[in-house]
């Protein structure tokens, strides 16, 4: 556009705008790359700390091998020590309760999500029914308009037959496509 401008002052302004735009674009790309690198670095650091925290030997071996470690205290050969929590339950009961609570929370959230999916499905099914009724009404109007214009019944039936054939072709293509996707996922996984 700048090269096609006939007035030299406008052409010069257009070139200047283009130059400024390219400079700004380069700055934005640099800042975007810098932000992406920072995000990737922080994500890598977070993943690393999470993975290192999962290691089973993270705190199992103390620096002093002769100190009383939690492994030696929970050993079957160690003498039993009375341990109690504030509510009087043993530590095994406490962990069992926390696992049961987590399981209950997971089940309730899963149940709520399934209910939400079912409700969405019902809404979609209702909308599809409404659309079907609307399309039937539109089809009847089109038939009446076609008859008014003088299109024969044979032509209308030929168009209907062709649309049915197209529907079968689409269905077969969809089945072949999904079968191909399943084969790719099944054999390339």
N, C-alpha and C. Protein backbone atom coordinates (compact mmCIF):
# COMPACT_ATOMS: atom_id res chain seq x y z
N UNK A 1 0.82 -1.19 0.00
CA UNK A 1 0.00 0.00 0.00
C UNK A 1 0.87 1.25 0.00
N UNK A 2 1.99 1.22 0.72
CA UNK A 2 2.85 2.40 0.80
C UNK A 2 3.49 2.69 -0.55
N UNK A 3 3.84 1.67 -1.30
CA UNK A 3 4.48 1.86 -2.59
C UNK A 3 3.51 2.42 -3.62
N UNK A 4 2.21 2.13 -3.44
CA UNK A 4 1.21 2.57 -4.42
C UNK A 4 0.72 3.99 -4.15
N UNK A 5 1.11 4.56 -3.02
CA UNK A 5 0.67 5.91 -2.67
C UNK A 5 1.29 6.92 -3.64
N UNK A 6 0.46 7.81 -4.18
CA UNK A 6 0.92 8.77 -5.19
C UNK A 6 1.54 10.01 -4.57
N UNK A 7 1.04 10.43 -3.44
CA UNK A 7 1.55 11.65 -2.80
C UNK A 7 2.79 11.28 -1.99
N UNK A 8 3.92 11.97 -2.25
CA UNK A 8 5.18 11.59 -1.59
C UNK A 8 5.14 11.71 -0.06
N UNK A 9 4.46 12.72 0.45
CA UNK A 9 4.42 12.87 1.92
C UNK A 9 3.64 11.72 2.56
N UNK A 10 2.54 11.33 1.93
CA UNK A 10 1.77 10.20 2.45
C UNK A 10 2.55 8.90 2.31
N UNK A 11 3.29 8.78 1.20
CA UNK A 11 4.10 7.58 1.01
C UNK A 11 5.19 7.50 2.08
N UNK A 12 5.79 8.64 2.40
CA UNK A 12 6.82 8.67 3.44
C UNK A 12 6.22 8.33 4.80
N UNK A 13 5.04 8.87 5.10
CA UNK A 13 4.36 8.54 6.37
C UNK A 13 4.03 7.06 6.44
N UNK A 14 3.58 6.51 5.33
CA UNK A 14 3.24 5.08 5.31
C UNK A 14 4.47 4.23 5.54
N UNK A 15 5.59 4.61 4.92
CA UNK A 15 6.84 3.87 5.15
C UNK A 15 7.27 3.97 6.61
N UNK A 16 7.12 5.17 7.19
CA UNK A 16 7.49 5.37 8.60
C UNK A 16 6.60 4.51 9.51
N UNK A 17 5.29 4.48 9.23
CA UNK A 17 4.37 3.64 10.01
C UNK A 17 4.74 2.17 9.89
N UNK A 18 5.08 1.76 8.68
CA UNK A 18 5.46 0.37 8.45
C UNK A 18 6.73 0.02 9.23
N UNK A 19 7.68 0.95 9.21
CA UNK A 19 8.93 0.73 9.95
C UNK A 19 8.64 0.63 11.46
N UNK A 20 7.81 1.55 11.97
CA UNK A 20 7.45 1.51 13.39
C UNK A 20 6.70 0.23 13.74
N UNK A 21 5.83 -0.19 12.84
CA UNK A 21 5.08 -1.42 13.08
C UNK A 21 6.01 -2.63 13.17
N UNK A 22 6.97 -2.69 12.27
CA UNK A 22 7.92 -3.82 12.29
C UNK A 22 8.77 -3.81 13.56
N UNK A 23 9.17 -2.62 14.01
CA UNK A 23 9.95 -2.52 15.25
C UNK A 23 9.10 -2.99 16.43
N UNK A 24 7.85 -2.51 16.50
CA UNK A 24 6.96 -2.93 17.59
C UNK A 24 6.70 -4.43 17.54
N UNK A 25 6.53 -4.97 16.34
CA UNK A 25 6.30 -6.40 16.20
C UNK A 25 7.49 -7.20 16.70
N UNK A 26 8.69 -6.75 16.37
CA UNK A 26 9.89 -7.44 16.85
C UNK A 26 9.98 -7.36 18.37
N UNK A 27 9.65 -6.18 18.95
CA UNK A 27 9.66 -6.05 20.41
C UNK A 27 8.64 -6.97 21.06
N UNK A 28 7.44 -7.02 20.49
CA UNK A 28 6.40 -7.90 21.04
C UNK A 28 6.81 -9.36 20.96
N UNK A 29 7.41 -9.73 19.84
CA UNK A 29 7.86 -11.13 19.71
C UNK A 29 8.94 -11.46 20.73
N UNK A 30 9.87 -10.53 20.94
CA UNK A 30 10.91 -10.76 21.94
C UNK A 30 10.32 -10.89 23.33
N UNK A 31 9.41 -10.00 23.67
CA UNK A 31 8.81 -10.07 25.01
C UNK A 31 7.96 -11.33 25.15
N UNK A 32 7.28 -11.72 24.08
CA UNK A 32 6.50 -12.96 24.12
C UNK A 32 7.40 -14.17 24.32
N UNK A 33 8.51 -14.21 23.58
CA UNK A 33 9.46 -15.31 23.74
C UNK A 33 10.04 -15.34 25.14
N UNK A 34 10.35 -14.15 25.68
CA UNK A 34 10.90 -14.07 27.03
C UNK A 34 9.86 -14.57 28.06
N UNK A 35 8.60 -14.14 27.90
CA UNK A 35 7.55 -14.60 28.81
C UNK A 35 7.33 -16.10 28.69
N UNK A 36 7.35 -16.61 27.46
CA UNK A 36 7.18 -18.04 27.26
C UNK A 36 8.33 -18.82 27.92
N UNK A 37 9.55 -18.31 27.76
CA UNK A 37 10.71 -18.97 28.38
C UNK A 37 10.59 -18.94 29.90
N UNK A 38 10.19 -17.79 30.46
CA UNK A 38 10.01 -17.70 31.91
C UNK A 38 8.95 -18.68 32.40
N UNK A 39 7.84 -18.76 31.66
CA UNK A 39 6.77 -19.67 32.05
C UNK A 39 7.25 -21.11 31.96
N UNK A 40 7.96 -21.45 30.89
CA UNK A 40 8.48 -22.81 30.75
C UNK A 40 9.47 -23.14 31.86
N UNK A 41 10.32 -22.16 32.20
CA UNK A 41 11.28 -22.39 33.28
C UNK A 41 10.58 -22.61 34.61
N UNK A 42 9.58 -21.78 34.90
CA UNK A 42 8.86 -21.95 36.17
C UNK A 42 8.08 -23.27 36.18
N UNK A 43 7.51 -23.64 35.04
CA UNK A 43 6.78 -24.92 34.96
C UNK A 43 7.74 -26.08 35.15
N UNK A 44 8.93 -25.99 34.55
CA UNK A 44 9.93 -27.05 34.71
C UNK A 44 10.37 -27.15 36.16
N UNK A 45 10.60 -26.01 36.79
CA UNK A 45 11.01 -26.02 38.20
C UNK A 45 9.91 -26.60 39.08
N UNK A 46 8.68 -26.22 38.80
CA UNK A 46 7.56 -26.75 39.58
C UNK A 46 7.43 -28.26 39.39
N UNK A 47 7.52 -28.72 38.16
CA UNK A 47 7.44 -30.16 37.89
C UNK A 47 8.58 -30.90 38.56
N UNK A 48 9.77 -30.31 38.54
CA UNK A 48 10.93 -30.95 39.14
C UNK A 48 10.75 -31.09 40.65
N UNK A 49 10.31 -30.01 41.30
CA UNK A 49 10.12 -30.10 42.75
C UNK A 49 9.01 -31.07 43.10
N UNK A 50 7.97 -31.11 42.27
CA UNK A 50 6.89 -32.06 42.52
C UNK A 50 7.38 -33.49 42.39
N UNK A 51 8.16 -33.76 41.34
CA UNK A 51 8.67 -35.11 41.14
C UNK A 51 9.67 -35.50 42.23
N UNK A 52 10.53 -34.58 42.62
CA UNK A 52 11.48 -34.89 43.68
C UNK A 52 10.78 -35.09 45.01
N UNK A 53 9.68 -34.41 45.22
CA UNK A 53 8.92 -34.59 46.45
C UNK A 53 8.21 -35.92 46.50
N UNK A 54 7.96 -36.54 45.37
CA UNK A 54 7.27 -37.83 45.33
C UNK A 54 8.19 -39.00 45.61
N UNK A 55 9.48 -38.80 45.54
CA UNK A 55 10.40 -39.92 45.70
C UNK A 55 10.21 -40.57 47.06
N UNK A 56 10.15 -41.90 47.11
CA UNK A 56 9.90 -42.55 48.40
C UNK A 56 11.07 -42.41 49.36
N UNK A 57 12.28 -42.22 48.86
CA UNK A 57 13.43 -42.10 49.73
C UNK A 57 13.77 -40.66 50.04
N UNK A 58 12.83 -39.77 49.77
CA UNK A 58 13.06 -38.34 49.98
C UNK A 58 13.38 -38.05 51.45
N UNK A 59 12.61 -38.60 52.37
CA UNK A 59 12.85 -38.37 53.79
C UNK A 59 12.99 -39.66 54.56
N UNK A 60 13.08 -40.79 53.88
CA UNK A 60 13.12 -42.06 54.58
C UNK A 60 14.48 -42.33 55.21
N UNK A 61 15.56 -41.86 54.63
CA UNK A 61 16.89 -42.13 55.17
C UNK A 61 17.43 -40.85 55.81
N UNK A 62 17.67 -40.87 57.12
CA UNK A 62 18.19 -39.67 57.77
C UNK A 62 19.69 -39.54 57.51
N UNK A 63 20.22 -38.35 57.81
CA UNK A 63 21.66 -38.15 57.63
C UNK A 63 22.45 -39.02 58.59
N UNK A 64 21.97 -39.16 59.81
CA UNK A 64 22.62 -40.00 60.81
C UNK A 64 21.96 -41.37 60.79
N UNK A 65 22.67 -42.42 60.37
CA UNK A 65 22.02 -43.74 60.26
C UNK A 65 21.65 -44.33 61.61
N UNK A 66 22.20 -43.80 62.71
CA UNK A 66 21.89 -44.36 64.03
C UNK A 66 20.79 -43.60 64.75
N UNK A 67 20.25 -42.59 64.10
CA UNK A 67 19.18 -41.84 64.75
C UNK A 67 17.88 -42.63 64.66
N UNK A 68 16.93 -42.24 65.46
CA UNK A 68 15.64 -42.91 65.47
C UNK A 68 14.85 -42.42 64.26
N UNK A 69 14.77 -43.24 63.26
CA UNK A 69 14.02 -42.84 62.07
C UNK A 69 12.59 -43.34 62.20
N UNK A 70 11.75 -42.78 61.37
CA UNK A 70 10.35 -43.20 61.40
C UNK A 70 10.20 -44.63 60.92
N UNK A 71 11.14 -45.09 60.08
CA UNK A 71 11.07 -46.48 59.62
C UNK A 71 11.34 -47.44 60.76
N UNK A 72 12.32 -47.10 61.61
CA UNK A 72 12.64 -47.98 62.73
C UNK A 72 11.53 -47.97 63.76
N UNK A 73 10.86 -46.85 63.92
CA UNK A 73 9.79 -46.77 64.90
C UNK A 73 8.59 -47.58 64.45
N UNK A 74 8.35 -47.66 63.14
CA UNK A 74 7.21 -48.41 62.63
C UNK A 74 7.58 -49.84 62.29
N UNK A 75 8.75 -50.27 62.64
CA UNK A 75 9.21 -51.61 62.33
C UNK A 75 8.43 -52.63 63.16
N UNK A 76 8.28 -53.83 62.61
CA UNK A 76 7.58 -54.88 63.36
C UNK A 76 8.41 -55.40 64.51
N UNK A 77 9.73 -55.16 64.48
CA UNK A 77 10.61 -55.62 65.55
C UNK A 77 10.76 -54.59 66.66
N UNK A 78 10.34 -53.36 66.42
CA UNK A 78 10.48 -52.32 67.43
C UNK A 78 9.41 -52.50 68.49
N UNK A 79 9.70 -52.12 69.73
CA UNK A 79 8.68 -52.25 70.78
C UNK A 79 7.55 -51.26 70.52
N UNK A 80 6.33 -51.67 70.82
CA UNK A 80 5.20 -50.77 70.57
C UNK A 80 5.25 -49.57 71.50
N UNK A 81 4.99 -48.38 70.93
CA UNK A 81 4.96 -47.15 71.71
C UNK A 81 3.55 -46.60 71.63
N UNK A 82 3.03 -46.16 72.71
CA UNK A 82 1.68 -45.59 72.66
C UNK A 82 1.72 -44.22 71.98
N UNK A 83 1.00 -44.11 70.89
CA UNK A 83 0.89 -42.84 70.19
C UNK A 83 -0.58 -42.49 70.12
N UNK A 84 -0.88 -41.27 70.37
CA UNK A 84 -2.29 -40.89 70.32
C UNK A 84 -2.42 -39.54 69.65
N UNK A 85 -3.55 -39.35 69.06
CA UNK A 85 -3.86 -38.08 68.44
C UNK A 85 -4.84 -37.34 69.34
N UNK A 86 -5.15 -36.14 68.99
CA UNK A 86 -6.00 -35.33 69.85
C UNK A 86 -7.39 -35.92 70.00
N UNK A 87 -7.86 -36.66 69.01
CA UNK A 87 -9.19 -37.22 69.10
C UNK A 87 -9.16 -38.68 69.49
N UNK A 88 -8.02 -39.21 69.86
CA UNK A 88 -7.93 -40.55 70.42
C UNK A 88 -7.81 -41.66 69.40
N UNK A 89 -7.57 -41.38 68.14
CA UNK A 89 -7.46 -42.42 67.13
C UNK A 89 -6.00 -42.71 66.86
N UNK A 90 -5.73 -43.91 66.41
CA UNK A 90 -4.36 -44.28 66.08
C UNK A 90 -3.98 -43.65 64.75
N UNK A 91 -2.66 -43.52 64.45
CA UNK A 91 -2.25 -42.90 63.19
C UNK A 91 -2.77 -43.66 61.97
N UNK A 92 -2.87 -44.99 62.07
CA UNK A 92 -3.37 -45.75 60.94
C UNK A 92 -4.84 -45.40 60.68
N UNK A 93 -5.60 -45.20 61.77
CA UNK A 93 -6.99 -44.80 61.61
C UNK A 93 -7.09 -43.41 60.99
N UNK A 94 -6.18 -42.54 61.38
CA UNK A 94 -6.18 -41.18 60.84
C UNK A 94 -5.93 -41.21 59.33
N UNK A 95 -4.93 -41.96 58.88
CA UNK A 95 -4.67 -42.02 57.45
C UNK A 95 -5.81 -42.71 56.72
N UNK A 96 -6.41 -43.71 57.36
CA UNK A 96 -7.55 -44.39 56.76
C UNK A 96 -8.71 -43.41 56.61
N UNK A 97 -8.92 -42.58 57.63
CA UNK A 97 -10.00 -41.60 57.56
C UNK A 97 -9.73 -40.55 56.49
N UNK A 98 -8.48 -40.10 56.37
CA UNK A 98 -8.19 -39.11 55.34
C UNK A 98 -8.38 -39.70 53.95
N UNK A 99 -7.99 -40.95 53.77
CA UNK A 99 -8.20 -41.59 52.47
C UNK A 99 -9.69 -41.76 52.20
N UNK A 100 -10.44 -42.15 53.21
CA UNK A 100 -11.89 -42.29 53.04
C UNK A 100 -12.53 -40.95 52.72
N UNK A 101 -12.06 -39.89 53.39
CA UNK A 101 -12.59 -38.56 53.11
C UNK A 101 -12.26 -38.12 51.69
N UNK A 102 -11.02 -38.36 51.25
CA UNK A 102 -10.65 -38.02 49.87
C UNK A 102 -11.49 -38.80 48.87
N UNK A 103 -11.70 -40.09 49.16
CA UNK A 103 -12.50 -40.91 48.26
C UNK A 103 -13.94 -40.41 48.21
N UNK A 104 -14.49 -40.05 49.37
CA UNK A 104 -15.86 -39.53 49.42
C UNK A 104 -15.96 -38.22 48.64
N UNK A 105 -14.99 -37.34 48.80
CA UNK A 105 -14.99 -36.07 48.08
C UNK A 105 -14.90 -36.30 46.58
N UNK A 106 -14.03 -37.22 46.18
CA UNK A 106 -13.88 -37.54 44.76
C UNK A 106 -15.18 -38.10 44.20
N UNK A 107 -15.81 -39.01 44.95
CA UNK A 107 -17.06 -39.60 44.47
C UNK A 107 -18.16 -38.55 44.36
N UNK A 108 -18.26 -37.65 45.32
CA UNK A 108 -19.31 -36.64 45.26
C UNK A 108 -19.07 -35.67 44.11
N UNK A 109 -17.80 -35.29 43.88
CA UNK A 109 -17.53 -34.40 42.75
C UNK A 109 -17.77 -35.10 41.42
N UNK A 110 -17.44 -36.39 41.35
CA UNK A 110 -17.71 -37.16 40.14
C UNK A 110 -19.20 -37.28 39.90
N UNK A 111 -19.95 -37.52 40.98
CA UNK A 111 -21.40 -37.63 40.87
C UNK A 111 -22.00 -36.31 40.38
N UNK A 112 -21.52 -35.19 40.93
CA UNK A 112 -22.02 -33.89 40.49
C UNK A 112 -21.69 -33.64 39.02
N UNK A 113 -20.48 -34.01 38.61
CA UNK A 113 -20.08 -33.82 37.21
C UNK A 113 -20.94 -34.68 36.28
N UNK A 114 -21.21 -35.92 36.68
CA UNK A 114 -22.06 -36.79 35.86
C UNK A 114 -23.48 -36.24 35.76
N UNK A 115 -24.01 -35.72 36.88
CA UNK A 115 -25.33 -35.11 36.84
C UNK A 115 -25.35 -33.91 35.90
N UNK A 116 -24.29 -33.13 35.92
CA UNK A 116 -24.20 -31.98 35.03
C UNK A 116 -24.16 -32.42 33.57
N UNK A 117 -23.38 -33.47 33.27
CA UNK A 117 -23.31 -33.98 31.90
C UNK A 117 -24.67 -34.50 31.44
N UNK A 118 -25.36 -35.22 32.33
CA UNK A 118 -26.68 -35.73 31.97
C UNK A 118 -27.66 -34.59 31.70
N UNK A 119 -27.59 -33.54 32.52
CA UNK A 119 -28.48 -32.40 32.33
C UNK A 119 -28.17 -31.70 31.00
N UNK A 120 -26.89 -31.57 30.69
CA UNK A 120 -26.53 -30.98 29.39
C UNK A 120 -27.03 -31.84 28.25
N UNK A 121 -26.92 -33.16 28.39
CA UNK A 121 -27.41 -34.06 27.35
C UNK A 121 -28.90 -33.92 27.15
N UNK A 122 -29.64 -33.81 28.27
CA UNK A 122 -31.10 -33.62 28.15
C UNK A 122 -31.41 -32.31 27.44
N UNK A 123 -30.68 -31.26 27.79
CA UNK A 123 -30.92 -29.96 27.15
C UNK A 123 -30.61 -30.03 25.65
N UNK A 124 -29.53 -30.69 25.29
CA UNK A 124 -29.17 -30.83 23.87
C UNK A 124 -30.23 -31.64 23.14
N UNK A 125 -30.70 -32.72 23.77
CA UNK A 125 -31.73 -33.54 23.14
C UNK A 125 -33.01 -32.74 22.93
N UNK A 126 -33.39 -31.94 23.92
CA UNK A 126 -34.56 -31.09 23.77
C UNK A 126 -34.39 -30.07 22.65
N UNK A 127 -33.20 -29.47 22.57
CA UNK A 127 -32.93 -28.51 21.50
C UNK A 127 -32.98 -29.18 20.13
N UNK A 128 -32.46 -30.41 20.05
CA UNK A 128 -32.51 -31.13 18.77
C UNK A 128 -33.95 -31.42 18.36
N UNK A 129 -34.79 -31.77 19.34
CA UNK A 129 -36.21 -32.00 19.03
C UNK A 129 -36.87 -30.73 18.51
N UNK A 130 -36.58 -29.60 19.15
CA UNK A 130 -37.14 -28.32 18.69
C UNK A 130 -36.65 -27.99 17.28
N UNK A 131 -35.38 -28.22 17.03
CA UNK A 131 -34.84 -27.95 15.70
C UNK A 131 -35.47 -28.85 14.65
N UNK A 132 -35.74 -30.10 15.03
CA UNK A 132 -36.37 -31.04 14.09
C UNK A 132 -37.76 -30.54 13.70
N UNK A 133 -38.52 -30.09 14.70
CA UNK A 133 -39.86 -29.58 14.42
C UNK A 133 -39.78 -28.33 13.54
N UNK A 134 -38.82 -27.46 13.80
CA UNK A 134 -38.66 -26.26 13.00
C UNK A 134 -38.29 -26.61 11.56
N UNK A 135 -37.40 -27.59 11.40
CA UNK A 135 -37.00 -27.99 10.05
C UNK A 135 -38.14 -28.66 9.29
N UNK A 136 -38.98 -29.41 10.01
CA UNK A 136 -40.15 -30.01 9.35
C UNK A 136 -41.09 -28.93 8.84
N UNK A 137 -41.31 -27.90 9.66
CA UNK A 137 -42.16 -26.80 9.23
C UNK A 137 -41.57 -26.08 8.03
N UNK A 138 -40.26 -25.87 8.04
CA UNK A 138 -39.59 -25.22 6.92
C UNK A 138 -39.68 -26.07 5.66
N UNK A 139 -39.55 -27.39 5.82
CA UNK A 139 -39.65 -28.29 4.67
C UNK A 139 -41.05 -28.22 4.06
N UNK A 140 -42.08 -28.19 4.90
CA UNK A 140 -43.45 -28.09 4.38
C UNK A 140 -43.64 -26.78 3.62
N UNK A 141 -43.09 -25.69 4.15
CA UNK A 141 -43.21 -24.41 3.46
C UNK A 141 -42.48 -24.44 2.12
N UNK A 142 -41.29 -25.07 2.10
CA UNK A 142 -40.55 -25.16 0.83
C UNK A 142 -41.31 -25.99 -0.20
N UNK A 143 -41.95 -27.07 0.25
CA UNK A 143 -42.75 -27.88 -0.68
C UNK A 143 -43.91 -27.07 -1.24
N UNK A 144 -44.56 -26.30 -0.38
CA UNK A 144 -45.69 -25.51 -0.88
C UNK A 144 -45.21 -24.44 -1.85
N UNK A 145 -44.05 -23.82 -1.57
CA UNK A 145 -43.49 -22.82 -2.48
C UNK A 145 -43.09 -23.48 -3.80
N UNK A 146 -42.47 -24.67 -3.72
CA UNK A 146 -42.06 -25.38 -4.94
C UNK A 146 -43.28 -25.75 -5.78
N UNK A 147 -44.35 -26.20 -5.14
CA UNK A 147 -45.57 -26.53 -5.89
C UNK A 147 -46.18 -25.28 -6.50
N UNK A 148 -46.09 -24.17 -5.78
CA UNK A 148 -46.63 -22.92 -6.32
C UNK A 148 -45.84 -22.47 -7.54
N UNK A 149 -44.53 -22.70 -7.51
CA UNK A 149 -43.69 -22.30 -8.64
C UNK A 149 -43.81 -23.25 -9.82
N UNK A 150 -44.42 -24.39 -9.61
CA UNK A 150 -44.64 -25.31 -10.70
C UNK A 150 -43.62 -26.43 -10.79
N UNK A 151 -42.86 -26.67 -9.76
CA UNK A 151 -41.92 -27.79 -9.78
C UNK A 151 -42.73 -29.05 -9.56
N UNK A 152 -42.47 -30.05 -10.37
CA UNK A 152 -43.28 -31.27 -10.33
C UNK A 152 -42.96 -32.10 -9.10
N UNK A 153 -43.86 -32.99 -8.77
CA UNK A 153 -43.67 -33.90 -7.65
C UNK A 153 -42.52 -34.85 -7.89
N UNK A 154 -42.30 -35.22 -9.17
CA UNK A 154 -41.18 -36.11 -9.49
C UNK A 154 -39.84 -35.45 -9.16
N UNK A 155 -39.72 -34.19 -9.47
CA UNK A 155 -38.48 -33.47 -9.16
C UNK A 155 -38.25 -33.41 -7.66
N UNK A 156 -39.31 -33.13 -6.91
CA UNK A 156 -39.19 -33.07 -5.45
C UNK A 156 -38.79 -34.43 -4.89
N UNK A 157 -39.41 -35.50 -5.40
CA UNK A 157 -39.05 -36.85 -4.93
C UNK A 157 -37.61 -37.19 -5.29
N UNK A 158 -37.14 -36.74 -6.47
CA UNK A 158 -35.76 -37.00 -6.86
C UNK A 158 -34.79 -36.28 -5.90
N UNK A 159 -35.11 -35.06 -5.53
CA UNK A 159 -34.27 -34.31 -4.59
C UNK A 159 -34.27 -35.00 -3.23
N UNK A 160 -35.44 -35.47 -2.77
CA UNK A 160 -35.51 -36.18 -1.49
C UNK A 160 -34.68 -37.46 -1.52
N UNK A 161 -34.77 -38.21 -2.63
CA UNK A 161 -34.00 -39.44 -2.76
C UNK A 161 -32.50 -39.14 -2.73
N UNK A 162 -32.10 -38.09 -3.41
CA UNK A 162 -30.69 -37.71 -3.42
C UNK A 162 -30.22 -37.29 -2.01
N UNK A 163 -31.07 -36.60 -1.28
CA UNK A 163 -30.68 -36.20 0.08
C UNK A 163 -30.55 -37.43 0.99
N UNK A 164 -31.44 -38.44 0.80
CA UNK A 164 -31.31 -39.68 1.57
C UNK A 164 -30.01 -40.40 1.22
N UNK A 165 -29.66 -40.43 -0.07
CA UNK A 165 -28.39 -41.05 -0.47
C UNK A 165 -27.20 -40.31 0.13
N UNK A 166 -27.27 -38.99 0.12
CA UNK A 166 -26.19 -38.21 0.72
C UNK A 166 -26.07 -38.49 2.21
N UNK A 167 -27.20 -38.67 2.88
CA UNK A 167 -27.17 -38.98 4.31
C UNK A 167 -26.49 -40.33 4.55
N UNK A 168 -26.79 -41.33 3.72
CA UNK A 168 -26.15 -42.64 3.86
C UNK A 168 -24.65 -42.55 3.59
N UNK A 169 -24.29 -41.78 2.56
CA UNK A 169 -22.87 -41.60 2.25
C UNK A 169 -22.15 -40.92 3.41
N UNK A 170 -22.77 -39.91 3.99
CA UNK A 170 -22.18 -39.24 5.14
C UNK A 170 -22.03 -40.19 6.32
N UNK A 171 -23.05 -40.98 6.60
CA UNK A 171 -22.99 -41.94 7.71
C UNK A 171 -21.89 -42.97 7.50
N UNK A 172 -21.78 -43.50 6.29
CA UNK A 172 -20.73 -44.47 6.00
C UNK A 172 -19.35 -43.82 6.13
N UNK A 173 -19.21 -42.61 5.64
CA UNK A 173 -17.94 -41.91 5.77
C UNK A 173 -17.57 -41.65 7.23
N UNK A 174 -18.56 -41.30 8.04
CA UNK A 174 -18.29 -41.07 9.46
C UNK A 174 -17.85 -42.36 10.14
N UNK A 175 -18.51 -43.47 9.82
CA UNK A 175 -18.13 -44.75 10.42
C UNK A 175 -16.72 -45.14 10.00
N UNK A 176 -16.40 -44.97 8.72
CA UNK A 176 -15.06 -45.29 8.23
C UNK A 176 -14.02 -44.39 8.91
N UNK A 177 -14.34 -43.12 9.07
CA UNK A 177 -13.42 -42.19 9.72
C UNK A 177 -13.16 -42.59 11.17
N UNK A 178 -14.22 -42.90 11.92
CA UNK A 178 -14.03 -43.28 13.32
C UNK A 178 -13.29 -44.62 13.43
N UNK A 179 -13.55 -45.54 12.50
CA UNK A 179 -12.82 -46.81 12.51
C UNK A 179 -11.33 -46.56 12.23
N UNK A 180 -11.04 -45.67 11.30
CA UNK A 180 -9.65 -45.33 11.01
C UNK A 180 -8.98 -44.69 12.23
N UNK A 181 -9.67 -43.77 12.89
CA UNK A 181 -9.12 -43.13 14.10
C UNK A 181 -8.85 -44.18 15.17
N UNK A 182 -9.78 -45.11 15.36
CA UNK A 182 -9.58 -46.16 16.37
C UNK A 182 -8.37 -47.01 16.02
N UNK A 183 -8.24 -47.37 14.73
CA UNK A 183 -7.09 -48.17 14.32
C UNK A 183 -5.77 -47.43 14.57
N UNK A 184 -5.75 -46.16 14.24
CA UNK A 184 -4.53 -45.37 14.46
C UNK A 184 -4.20 -45.32 15.94
N UNK A 185 -5.19 -45.03 16.77
CA UNK A 185 -4.95 -44.94 18.21
C UNK A 185 -4.57 -46.30 18.76
N UNK A 186 -5.23 -47.35 18.32
CA UNK A 186 -5.00 -48.69 18.86
C UNK A 186 -3.62 -49.22 18.49
N UNK A 187 -3.20 -49.04 17.26
CA UNK A 187 -1.95 -49.63 16.82
C UNK A 187 -0.74 -48.71 16.98
N UNK A 188 -0.94 -47.42 17.10
CA UNK A 188 0.20 -46.52 17.25
C UNK A 188 0.44 -46.12 18.70
N UNK A 189 -0.37 -46.57 19.59
CA UNK A 189 -0.19 -46.22 21.00
C UNK A 189 0.83 -47.05 21.64
